[in-house]
Amino acid sequence: MDVDEGKVPAWTEAERLSVAELFEGLGEQDWSAATLCPKWTVHQLAAHLALSTKTGLKDTILGAIKAKGDWDRMTADQAIDHATRYEPAELVAQIREDAGSARRAPGAKPLDPLADVLIHGQDIARPLGLTRPMPEAPAIAALEHILASPFWGARERCKGVKMIATDADWSGGAGPDEVRGPLADLLLASTGRGSGLAALTGPGTKRIGAHCKPPVEV
């Protein structure tokens, strides 16, 4: 798919606003529920999304030093800290206020914020038993970016696998093992979420699953 990069900001803004609506529909008890990100509750994941347009170079350098160079630990710690300082309603307001911002974390590409919010929308909804539709064109753009990017780990995780969507006219990747499934589940599996594997079929599922975290009980 040839991505019209001019559409990416609008896609990202729309998805952020959609996630804000998801948050606004949650009950008080839902904010302490676990997500598909083992380190984060819904409240902490909301804080991560709120930080996506606020983390500058200085924050990244200081966070990396504190986390001893561990990027995942740095990101998790920053979100947890932000969640302790803001209530859910305040975080939703921050996400809405910055939904159209083009600012992104140092080193991130234009498609990274879109992929991030698409994936985290599923991380929130699925453990709560909610069905969250994923827009086709943005999902395909995000998936192709993730498969090509060195940042997400999909190059190794999906090596030797051809992905084929069952809910869209799309295929990507290359290799002897095929895997078929909905775009949302291909996106989750490609980023190491074992919860996306259940909806996938084909020999490529086992190859990807060897590099995924165990599914989260929902």
Protein backbone atom coordinates (compact mmCIF):
# COMPACT_ATOMS: atom_id res chain seq x y z
CA MET A 1 0.00 0.00 0.00
CA ASP A 2 1.35 3.41 -0.97
CA VAL A 3 0.58 5.60 2.03
CA ASP A 4 -0.45 9.19 1.43
CA GLU A 5 1.60 10.70 4.26
CA GLY A 6 -0.60 13.77 4.18
CA LYS A 7 -3.42 11.65 5.62
CA VAL A 8 -1.45 10.31 8.58
CA PRO A 9 -1.94 13.35 10.88
CA ALA A 10 -5.70 13.26 10.35
CA TRP A 11 -5.80 9.50 10.95
CA THR A 12 -3.81 9.91 14.15
CA GLU A 13 -6.01 12.74 15.39
CA ALA A 14 -9.19 10.77 14.68
CA GLU A 15 -7.89 7.72 16.51
CA ARG A 16 -6.81 9.75 19.54
CA LEU A 17 -10.25 11.34 19.75
CA SER A 18 -11.84 7.91 19.38
CA VAL A 19 -9.72 6.56 22.24
CA ALA A 20 -10.77 9.57 24.34
CA GLU A 21 -14.39 8.58 23.70
CA LEU A 22 -13.54 5.02 24.75
CA PHE A 23 -12.10 6.30 28.01
CA GLU A 24 -15.10 8.53 28.65
CA GLY A 25 -17.41 5.51 28.42
CA LEU A 26 -15.58 3.52 31.09
CA GLY A 27 -16.79 2.95 34.62
CA GLU A 28 -14.75 3.97 37.65
CA GLN A 29 -13.64 0.39 38.29
CA ASP A 30 -12.39 -0.01 34.71
CA TRP A 31 -9.55 2.46 35.26
CA SER A 32 -7.75 0.06 37.58
CA ALA A 33 -8.23 -2.93 35.24
CA ALA A 34 -5.27 -4.65 33.60
CA THR A 35 -4.53 -4.07 29.91
CA LEU A 36 -2.72 -6.16 27.31
CA CYS A 37 0.38 -4.24 28.40
CA PRO A 38 1.32 -6.19 31.57
CA LYS A 39 2.98 -3.22 33.26
CA TRP A 40 0.02 -0.86 32.87
CA THR A 41 -3.52 -0.46 34.13
CA VAL A 42 -6.03 1.43 31.98
CA HIS A 43 -5.21 4.56 33.99
CA GLN A 44 -1.48 4.19 33.33
CA LEU A 45 -1.98 3.44 29.65
CA ALA A 46 -4.09 6.61 29.35
CA ALA A 47 -1.16 8.47 30.88
CA HIS A 48 1.17 6.97 28.27
CA LEU A 49 -1.09 8.17 25.46
CA ALA A 50 -1.31 11.61 27.03
CA LEU A 51 2.50 11.75 27.13
CA SER A 52 2.89 10.86 23.44
CA THR A 53 2.90 14.54 22.45
CA LYS A 54 4.66 15.84 25.56
CA THR A 55 7.90 13.84 25.81
CA GLY A 56 10.81 15.92 24.58
CA LEU A 57 14.51 15.23 24.12
CA LYS A 58 15.40 16.25 27.67
CA ASP A 59 12.71 13.97 29.11
CA THR A 60 13.98 11.09 26.98
CA ILE A 61 17.62 11.56 27.96
CA LEU A 62 16.85 11.81 31.68
CA GLY A 63 14.41 8.90 31.49
CA ALA A 64 16.92 6.72 29.65
CA ILE A 65 19.58 7.43 32.25
CA LYS A 66 17.20 6.59 35.09
CA ALA A 67 16.14 3.38 33.33
CA LYS A 68 19.78 2.45 32.58
CA GLY A 69 19.17 2.53 28.84
CA ASP A 70 16.12 0.25 28.90
CA TRP A 71 13.63 1.95 26.55
CA ASP A 72 10.63 -0.16 27.60
CA ARG A 73 11.33 0.42 31.27
CA MET A 74 11.73 4.16 30.67
CA THR A 75 8.40 4.37 28.83
CA ALA A 76 6.63 2.35 31.51
CA ASP A 77 8.09 4.40 34.36
CA GLN A 78 7.18 7.71 32.73
CA ALA A 79 3.58 6.60 32.21
CA ILE A 80 3.24 5.33 35.77
CA ASP A 81 4.64 8.59 37.13
CA HIS A 82 2.29 10.67 34.96
CA ALA A 83 -0.68 8.58 36.12
CA THR A 84 0.11 9.32 39.77
CA ARG A 85 -0.12 13.05 39.05
CA TYR A 86 -3.33 13.18 37.01
CA GLU A 87 -6.82 11.81 37.45
CA PRO A 88 -8.48 9.92 34.57
CA ALA A 89 -10.61 12.89 33.50
CA GLU A 90 -7.53 15.11 33.35
CA LEU A 91 -5.70 12.59 31.16
CA VAL A 92 -8.65 12.34 28.78
CA ALA A 93 -8.66 16.14 28.52
CA GLN A 94 -4.94 16.10 27.71
CA ILE A 95 -5.44 13.49 24.97
CA ARG A 96 -8.27 15.54 23.46
CA GLU A 97 -6.34 18.80 23.67
CA ASP A 98 -3.29 17.38 21.90
CA ALA A 99 -5.11 15.05 19.49
CA GLY A 100 -4.06 17.09 16.47
CA SER A 101 -0.48 17.71 17.60
CA ALA A 102 2.28 16.63 15.23
CA ARG A 103 4.81 16.51 18.05
CA ARG A 104 6.24 13.06 18.72
CA ALA A 105 8.91 11.42 20.84
CA PRO A 106 12.54 11.85 19.74
CA GLY A 107 13.40 9.34 17.03
CA ALA A 108 9.79 8.46 16.27
CA LYS A 109 8.60 8.44 12.66
CA PRO A 110 5.27 10.02 11.56
CA LEU A 111 3.53 6.62 11.53
CA ASP A 112 4.72 5.60 15.01
CA PRO A 113 2.12 7.66 16.95
CA LEU A 114 -0.64 6.27 14.72
CA ALA A 115 0.49 2.69 15.28
CA ASP A 116 0.83 3.35 18.99
CA VAL A 117 -2.72 4.60 19.49
CA LEU A 118 -4.24 1.93 17.22
CA ILE A 119 -2.56 -0.85 19.20
CA HIS A 120 -3.23 0.63 22.62
CA GLY A 121 -6.90 1.04 21.78
CA GLN A 122 -7.03 -2.75 21.50
CA ASP A 123 -4.88 -3.13 24.63
CA ILE A 124 -7.55 -1.30 26.57
CA ALA A 125 -10.72 -2.63 24.98
CA ARG A 126 -10.08 -6.36 24.78
CA PRO A 127 -9.46 -7.12 28.47
CA LEU A 128 -12.63 -5.16 29.26
CA GLY A 129 -14.63 -7.33 26.85
CA LEU A 130 -15.18 -4.47 24.44
CA THR A 131 -15.04 -4.71 20.65
CA ARG A 132 -13.11 -1.87 19.10
CA PRO A 133 -13.25 -1.58 15.28
CA MET A 134 -9.99 -0.71 13.58
CA PRO A 135 -10.12 1.58 10.51
CA GLU A 136 -8.77 -0.29 7.48
CA ALA A 137 -6.46 2.19 5.75
CA PRO A 138 -4.76 3.43 8.96
CA ALA A 139 -4.38 -0.17 10.19
CA ILE A 140 -2.70 -1.26 6.95
CA ALA A 141 -0.37 1.75 7.00
CA ALA A 142 0.55 1.05 10.61
CA LEU A 143 1.10 -2.67 10.00
CA GLU A 144 3.35 -2.10 6.99
CA HIS A 145 5.34 0.45 8.98
CA ILE A 146 5.74 -1.91 11.92
CA LEU A 147 6.91 -4.77 9.70
CA ALA A 148 9.60 -2.53 8.18
CA SER A 149 10.66 -0.62 11.28
CA PRO A 150 13.61 -1.71 13.44
CA PHE A 151 11.91 -0.20 16.49
CA TRP A 152 8.95 -2.57 17.03
CA GLY A 153 10.82 -5.89 16.85
CA ALA A 154 8.60 -7.21 14.05
CA ARG A 155 11.48 -7.79 11.64
CA GLU A 156 12.68 -10.66 13.79
CA ARG A 157 9.29 -11.69 15.17
CA CYS A 158 7.69 -12.02 11.73
CA LYS A 159 10.73 -13.15 9.77
CA GLY A 160 9.83 -15.81 7.22
CA VAL A 161 6.10 -15.11 7.48
CA LYS A 162 3.68 -13.84 4.86
CA MET A 163 0.70 -12.10 6.46
CA ILE A 164 -2.70 -12.16 4.76
CA ALA A 165 -5.64 -10.16 6.06
CA THR A 166 -9.03 -11.86 6.13
CA ASP A 167 -10.99 -8.62 6.53
CA ALA A 168 -9.21 -6.50 3.90
CA ASP A 169 -7.49 -6.87 0.54
CA TRP A 170 -3.98 -6.83 1.97
CA SER A 171 -0.94 -9.03 2.36
CA GLY A 172 2.57 -8.25 3.52
CA GLY A 173 5.82 -9.80 4.58
CA ALA A 174 7.48 -12.67 2.80
CA GLY A 175 8.42 -16.23 3.61
CA PRO A 176 7.40 -19.87 3.43
CA ASP A 177 4.90 -19.68 6.31
CA GLU A 178 1.57 -17.94 5.86
CA VAL A 179 -0.59 -16.49 8.61
CA ARG A 180 -4.16 -15.28 8.07
CA GLY A 181 -6.39 -13.18 10.27
CA PRO A 182 -8.07 -9.81 10.86
CA LEU A 183 -5.90 -6.73 10.57
CA ALA A 184 -6.26 -5.89 14.26
CA ASP A 185 -5.01 -9.33 15.30
CA LEU A 186 -2.14 -9.27 12.80
CA LEU A 187 -1.17 -5.89 14.25
CA LEU A 188 -1.25 -7.20 17.81
CA ALA A 189 0.72 -10.33 16.97
CA SER A 190 3.32 -8.39 14.99
CA THR A 191 4.00 -6.29 18.09
CA GLY A 192 4.42 -9.30 20.35
CA ARG A 193 0.98 -9.54 21.91
CA GLY A 194 0.03 -13.18 22.32
CA SER A 195 -3.63 -12.20 22.65
CA GLY A 196 -3.71 -11.57 18.92
CA LEU A 197 -2.74 -15.16 18.06
CA ALA A 198 -6.09 -16.82 18.80
CA ALA A 199 -7.76 -15.31 15.71
CA LEU A 200 -4.88 -16.26 13.39
CA THR A 201 -4.50 -19.41 11.30
CA GLY A 202 -1.67 -20.93 9.32
CA PRO A 203 1.84 -22.20 10.06
CA GLY A 204 3.13 -18.66 10.49
CA THR A 205 1.16 -18.40 13.72
CA LYS A 206 3.55 -20.73 15.53
CA ARG A 207 6.59 -18.89 14.18
CA ILE A 208 5.29 -15.52 15.37
CA GLY A 209 4.00 -16.98 18.63
CA ALA A 210 7.48 -18.09 19.60
CA HIS A 211 8.36 -14.40 19.94
CA CYS A 212 5.16 -13.21 21.63
CA LYS A 213 4.27 -12.67 25.27
CA PRO A 214 1.71 -15.15 26.63
CA PRO A 215 -1.91 -14.08 26.10
CA VAL A 216 -3.40 -11.97 28.89
CA GLU A 217 -6.36 -13.59 30.60
CA VAL A 218 -9.51 -11.57 29.93
